[in-house]
């Protein structure tokens, strides 16, 4: 496999690359290869999931998230008090067989 030399990377960019590699617990080389594959790899290499996020939250962050989304699990009784009425409800007295007979005339 060929090698590539990168020249001219400014210090702030290099610092962000190193910090990202450290956060992911991979080498700078692996980070750059993964990034290049993501940007320029073949279409079949497009599998993406959330593995990089798994286990990254602290307990406090997880509790904060759970508290923030808890209201979405609650049902408002007032919204379910009356049965919804649809303005274009089918007429139950007109069955499919009756409709089909009417078309044959």
N, C-alpha and C. Protein backbone atom coordinates (compact mmCIF):
# COMPACT_ATOMS: atom_id res chain seq x y z
N UNK A 1 0.86 -1.17 0.00
CA UNK A 1 0.00 0.00 0.00
C UNK A 1 0.91 1.24 0.00
N UNK A 2 0.60 2.22 -0.83
CA UNK A 2 1.47 3.41 -0.91
C UNK A 2 1.35 4.29 0.33
N UNK A 3 2.37 5.07 0.55
CA UNK A 3 2.38 6.04 1.64
C UNK A 3 2.18 7.44 1.08
N UNK A 4 1.60 8.31 1.86
CA UNK A 4 1.40 9.70 1.48
C UNK A 4 1.98 10.56 2.59
N UNK A 5 2.67 11.62 2.22
CA UNK A 5 3.19 12.58 3.18
C UNK A 5 2.32 13.83 3.14
N UNK A 6 1.91 14.31 4.27
CA UNK A 6 1.14 15.55 4.34
C UNK A 6 2.07 16.66 4.82
N UNK A 7 2.11 17.74 4.06
CA UNK A 7 2.94 18.88 4.44
C UNK A 7 2.05 20.11 4.52
N UNK A 8 2.47 21.05 5.32
CA UNK A 8 1.78 22.33 5.38
C UNK A 8 0.55 22.36 6.26
N UNK A 9 0.39 21.42 7.16
CA UNK A 9 -0.76 21.43 8.08
C UNK A 9 -0.46 22.45 9.18
N UNK A 10 -1.36 23.40 9.35
CA UNK A 10 -1.13 24.42 10.38
C UNK A 10 -1.35 23.82 11.77
N UNK A 11 -0.77 24.46 12.75
CA UNK A 11 -0.82 23.94 14.13
C UNK A 11 -2.23 23.77 14.68
N UNK A 12 -3.14 24.74 14.47
CA UNK A 12 -4.50 24.54 15.01
C UNK A 12 -5.19 23.31 14.40
N UNK A 13 -5.02 23.10 13.09
CA UNK A 13 -5.63 21.93 12.45
C UNK A 13 -5.02 20.65 12.97
N UNK A 14 -3.72 20.61 13.08
CA UNK A 14 -3.04 19.42 13.61
C UNK A 14 -3.49 19.15 15.05
N UNK A 15 -3.66 20.20 15.82
CA UNK A 15 -4.13 20.04 17.19
C UNK A 15 -5.52 19.40 17.24
N UNK A 16 -6.42 19.84 16.33
CA UNK A 16 -7.77 19.27 16.30
C UNK A 16 -7.74 17.82 15.85
N UNK A 17 -6.85 17.51 14.89
CA UNK A 17 -6.72 16.12 14.43
C UNK A 17 -6.24 15.24 15.57
N UNK A 18 -5.22 15.68 16.28
CA UNK A 18 -4.68 14.88 17.39
C UNK A 18 -5.72 14.72 18.50
N UNK A 19 -6.44 15.79 18.80
CA UNK A 19 -7.46 15.71 19.86
C UNK A 19 -8.57 14.75 19.47
N UNK A 20 -8.97 14.78 18.21
CA UNK A 20 -10.02 13.87 17.75
C UNK A 20 -9.55 12.42 17.81
N UNK A 21 -8.32 12.17 17.40
CA UNK A 21 -7.77 10.82 17.45
C UNK A 21 -7.70 10.33 18.90
N UNK A 22 -7.30 11.21 19.79
CA UNK A 22 -7.20 10.83 21.21
C UNK A 22 -8.57 10.51 21.78
N UNK A 23 -9.58 11.34 21.44
CA UNK A 23 -10.96 11.08 21.91
C UNK A 23 -11.46 9.74 21.42
N UNK A 24 -11.14 9.40 20.18
CA UNK A 24 -11.59 8.14 19.60
C UNK A 24 -10.71 6.96 19.97
N UNK A 25 -9.61 7.26 20.62
CA UNK A 25 -8.64 6.24 21.04
C UNK A 25 -8.09 5.47 19.83
N UNK A 26 -7.73 6.24 18.80
CA UNK A 26 -7.09 5.68 17.62
C UNK A 26 -5.89 6.56 17.26
N UNK A 27 -5.04 6.06 16.39
CA UNK A 27 -3.88 6.84 15.98
C UNK A 27 -4.30 7.95 15.01
N UNK A 28 -3.42 8.95 14.88
CA UNK A 28 -3.66 10.03 13.93
C UNK A 28 -3.74 9.43 12.52
N UNK A 29 -2.84 8.49 12.23
CA UNK A 29 -2.84 7.84 10.92
C UNK A 29 -4.19 7.17 10.65
N UNK A 30 -4.71 6.42 11.62
CA UNK A 30 -6.00 5.72 11.45
C UNK A 30 -7.12 6.73 11.24
N UNK A 31 -7.10 7.84 11.98
CA UNK A 31 -8.12 8.87 11.85
C UNK A 31 -8.10 9.45 10.43
N UNK A 32 -6.92 9.74 9.92
CA UNK A 32 -6.82 10.32 8.58
C UNK A 32 -7.27 9.31 7.52
N UNK A 33 -6.88 8.06 7.66
CA UNK A 33 -7.31 7.03 6.71
C UNK A 33 -8.82 6.85 6.75
N UNK A 34 -9.39 6.77 7.95
CA UNK A 34 -10.85 6.63 8.08
C UNK A 34 -11.57 7.82 7.46
N UNK A 35 -11.04 9.02 7.68
CA UNK A 35 -11.65 10.23 7.13
C UNK A 35 -11.59 10.22 5.60
N UNK A 36 -10.45 9.83 5.06
CA UNK A 36 -10.32 9.75 3.60
C UNK A 36 -11.24 8.69 3.01
N UNK A 37 -11.36 7.56 3.69
CA UNK A 37 -12.27 6.50 3.21
C UNK A 37 -13.72 6.97 3.24
N UNK A 38 -14.08 7.69 4.29
CA UNK A 38 -15.44 8.21 4.40
C UNK A 38 -15.74 9.18 3.26
N UNK A 39 -14.79 10.05 2.96
CA UNK A 39 -15.01 11.06 1.92
C UNK A 39 -14.87 10.52 0.50
N UNK A 40 -13.93 9.59 0.30
CA UNK A 40 -13.60 9.17 -1.06
C UNK A 40 -13.72 7.68 -1.31
N UNK A 41 -14.21 6.94 -0.33
CA UNK A 41 -14.31 5.49 -0.47
C UNK A 41 -15.42 5.08 -1.43
N UNK A 42 -15.45 3.81 -1.73
CA UNK A 42 -16.47 3.26 -2.62
C UNK A 42 -17.84 3.33 -1.97
N UNK A 43 -18.88 3.34 -2.78
CA UNK A 43 -20.25 3.48 -2.28
C UNK A 43 -20.63 2.34 -1.34
N UNK A 44 -20.11 1.12 -1.57
CA UNK A 44 -20.49 0.00 -0.72
C UNK A 44 -19.91 0.11 0.69
N UNK A 45 -18.97 1.02 0.88
CA UNK A 45 -18.42 1.24 2.21
C UNK A 45 -19.25 2.25 2.99
N UNK A 46 -20.49 2.49 2.57
CA UNK A 46 -21.32 3.53 3.15
C UNK A 46 -22.02 3.17 4.44
N UNK A 47 -21.77 1.98 5.02
CA UNK A 47 -22.44 1.61 6.26
C UNK A 47 -22.05 2.59 7.36
N UNK A 48 -23.03 3.08 8.05
CA UNK A 48 -22.77 4.04 9.12
C UNK A 48 -23.72 3.71 10.27
N UNK A 49 -23.21 3.75 11.46
CA UNK A 49 -24.05 3.51 12.61
C UNK A 49 -23.64 4.44 13.74
N UNK A 50 -24.14 4.20 14.90
CA UNK A 50 -23.90 5.08 16.04
C UNK A 50 -22.89 4.49 17.03
N UNK A 51 -22.08 3.53 16.59
CA UNK A 51 -21.12 2.90 17.49
C UNK A 51 -20.17 3.91 18.13
N UNK A 52 -19.80 4.95 17.38
CA UNK A 52 -18.88 5.95 17.92
C UNK A 52 -19.49 6.71 19.10
N UNK A 53 -20.82 6.72 19.19
CA UNK A 53 -21.49 7.45 20.27
C UNK A 53 -21.74 6.58 21.49
N UNK A 54 -21.74 5.28 21.32
CA UNK A 54 -22.08 4.37 22.41
C UNK A 54 -21.12 4.52 23.59
N UNK A 55 -21.69 4.70 24.76
CA UNK A 55 -20.89 4.76 25.97
C UNK A 55 -20.17 6.08 26.18
N UNK A 56 -20.52 7.12 25.45
CA UNK A 56 -19.81 8.39 25.54
C UNK A 56 -20.43 9.34 26.56
N UNK A 57 -21.68 9.12 26.94
CA UNK A 57 -22.32 10.02 27.89
C UNK A 57 -21.91 9.68 29.31
N UNK A 58 -21.79 10.71 30.11
CA UNK A 58 -21.61 10.49 31.54
C UNK A 58 -22.98 10.15 32.13
N UNK A 59 -22.99 9.67 33.35
CA UNK A 59 -24.28 9.37 34.00
C UNK A 59 -25.13 10.63 34.11
N UNK A 60 -24.50 11.76 34.40
CA UNK A 60 -25.23 13.02 34.53
C UNK A 60 -25.85 13.42 33.18
N UNK A 61 -25.12 13.25 32.09
CA UNK A 61 -25.65 13.57 30.78
C UNK A 61 -26.82 12.65 30.42
N UNK A 62 -26.71 11.39 30.76
CA UNK A 62 -27.78 10.44 30.47
C UNK A 62 -29.04 10.81 31.26
N UNK A 63 -28.88 11.17 32.54
CA UNK A 63 -30.04 11.58 33.35
C UNK A 63 -30.67 12.85 32.79
N UNK A 64 -29.84 13.80 32.36
CA UNK A 64 -30.34 15.05 31.79
C UNK A 64 -31.14 14.77 30.51
N UNK A 65 -30.63 13.87 29.68
CA UNK A 65 -31.34 13.52 28.44
C UNK A 65 -32.67 12.85 28.77
N UNK A 66 -32.66 11.88 29.67
CA UNK A 66 -33.89 11.18 30.04
C UNK A 66 -34.92 12.16 30.58
N UNK A 67 -34.49 13.12 31.39
CA UNK A 67 -35.42 14.12 31.93
C UNK A 67 -35.98 15.00 30.82
N UNK A 68 -35.14 15.33 29.84
CA UNK A 68 -35.57 16.20 28.75
C UNK A 68 -36.60 15.53 27.84
N UNK A 69 -36.48 14.22 27.64
CA UNK A 69 -37.40 13.54 26.71
C UNK A 69 -38.58 12.88 27.44
N UNK A 70 -38.59 12.89 28.76
CA UNK A 70 -39.67 12.25 29.52
C UNK A 70 -41.06 12.78 29.14
N UNK A 71 -41.24 14.09 28.93
CA UNK A 71 -42.58 14.57 28.57
C UNK A 71 -43.13 13.97 27.28
N UNK A 72 -42.27 13.51 26.39
CA UNK A 72 -42.74 12.93 25.14
C UNK A 72 -43.41 11.58 25.34
N UNK A 73 -43.21 10.96 26.48
CA UNK A 73 -43.82 9.68 26.77
C UNK A 73 -45.16 9.80 27.47
N UNK A 74 -45.56 11.02 27.82
CA UNK A 74 -46.82 11.23 28.52
C UNK A 74 -47.95 11.46 27.53
N UNK A 75 -49.12 10.94 27.86
CA UNK A 75 -50.30 11.11 27.03
C UNK A 75 -51.19 12.15 27.68
N UNK A 76 -51.63 13.12 26.89
CA UNK A 76 -52.53 14.14 27.41
C UNK A 76 -53.96 13.62 27.30
N UNK A 77 -54.60 13.35 28.44
CA UNK A 77 -55.95 12.78 28.42
C UNK A 77 -56.95 13.61 27.63
N UNK A 78 -56.80 14.92 27.65
CA UNK A 78 -57.74 15.78 26.93
C UNK A 78 -57.74 15.55 25.43
N UNK A 79 -56.62 15.10 24.91
CA UNK A 79 -56.55 14.84 23.47
C UNK A 79 -57.27 13.56 23.09
N UNK A 80 -57.52 12.69 24.06
CA UNK A 80 -58.15 11.41 23.78
C UNK A 80 -59.55 11.32 24.38
N UNK A 81 -60.10 12.43 24.87
CA UNK A 81 -61.39 12.42 25.54
C UNK A 81 -62.53 12.08 24.58
N UNK A 82 -62.51 12.67 23.41
CA UNK A 82 -63.59 12.42 22.46
C UNK A 82 -63.05 11.64 21.27
N UNK A 83 -63.91 10.82 20.71
CA UNK A 83 -63.50 10.05 19.53
C UNK A 83 -63.39 11.02 18.35
N UNK A 84 -62.30 10.97 17.63
CA UNK A 84 -62.16 11.91 16.51
C UNK A 84 -63.19 11.62 15.42
N UNK A 85 -63.67 12.66 14.81
CA UNK A 85 -64.65 12.52 13.73
C UNK A 85 -63.98 12.92 12.43
N UNK A 86 -64.08 12.06 11.47
CA UNK A 86 -63.49 12.39 10.18
C UNK A 86 -64.59 12.89 9.26
N UNK A 87 -64.37 13.99 8.56
CA UNK A 87 -65.43 14.56 7.72
C UNK A 87 -65.77 13.69 6.52
N UNK A 88 -64.88 12.78 6.13
CA UNK A 88 -65.13 11.96 4.95
C UNK A 88 -65.21 10.48 5.31
N UNK A 89 -65.91 10.18 6.39
CA UNK A 89 -66.03 8.79 6.81
C UNK A 89 -66.87 8.02 5.82
N UNK A 90 -66.52 6.77 5.63
CA UNK A 90 -67.27 5.91 4.72
C UNK A 90 -68.65 5.64 5.28
N UNK A 91 -69.62 5.53 4.41
CA UNK A 91 -70.99 5.22 4.79
C UNK A 91 -71.08 3.70 4.96
N UNK A 92 -71.26 3.21 6.20
CA UNK A 92 -71.28 1.76 6.43
C UNK A 92 -72.44 1.06 5.71
N UNK A 93 -73.50 1.77 5.35
CA UNK A 93 -74.63 1.13 4.67
C UNK A 93 -74.30 0.83 3.21
N UNK A 94 -73.23 1.39 2.69
CA UNK A 94 -72.82 1.13 1.31
C UNK A 94 -71.62 0.22 1.32
N UNK A 95 -71.86 -1.05 1.29
CA UNK A 95 -70.79 -2.03 1.32
C UNK A 95 -70.11 -2.09 -0.04
N UNK A 96 -68.99 -2.74 -0.09
CA UNK A 96 -68.25 -2.89 -1.34
C UNK A 96 -69.06 -3.65 -2.37
N UNK A 97 -69.83 -4.64 -1.93
CA UNK A 97 -70.63 -5.42 -2.88
C UNK A 97 -71.73 -4.56 -3.49
N UNK A 98 -72.35 -3.70 -2.69
CA UNK A 98 -73.39 -2.79 -3.20
C UNK A 98 -72.79 -1.80 -4.20
N UNK A 99 -71.62 -1.31 -3.89
CA UNK A 99 -70.96 -0.37 -4.79
C UNK A 99 -70.60 -1.05 -6.11
N UNK A 100 -70.12 -2.29 -6.03
CA UNK A 100 -69.77 -3.02 -7.24
C UNK A 100 -70.99 -3.29 -8.11
N UNK A 101 -72.15 -3.65 -7.49
CA UNK A 101 -73.39 -3.88 -8.24
C UNK A 101 -73.84 -2.62 -8.95
N UNK A 102 -73.64 -1.47 -8.28
CA UNK A 102 -74.06 -0.21 -8.86
C UNK A 102 -73.27 0.15 -10.09
N UNK A 103 -72.04 -0.29 -10.18
CA UNK A 103 -71.19 0.03 -11.32
C UNK A 103 -71.55 -0.82 -12.54
N UNK A 104 -72.19 -1.98 -12.32
CA UNK A 104 -72.51 -2.88 -13.43
C UNK A 104 -73.70 -2.39 -14.25
N UNK A 105 -74.48 -1.53 -13.75
CA UNK A 105 -75.72 -1.12 -14.44
C UNK A 105 -75.45 -0.49 -15.74
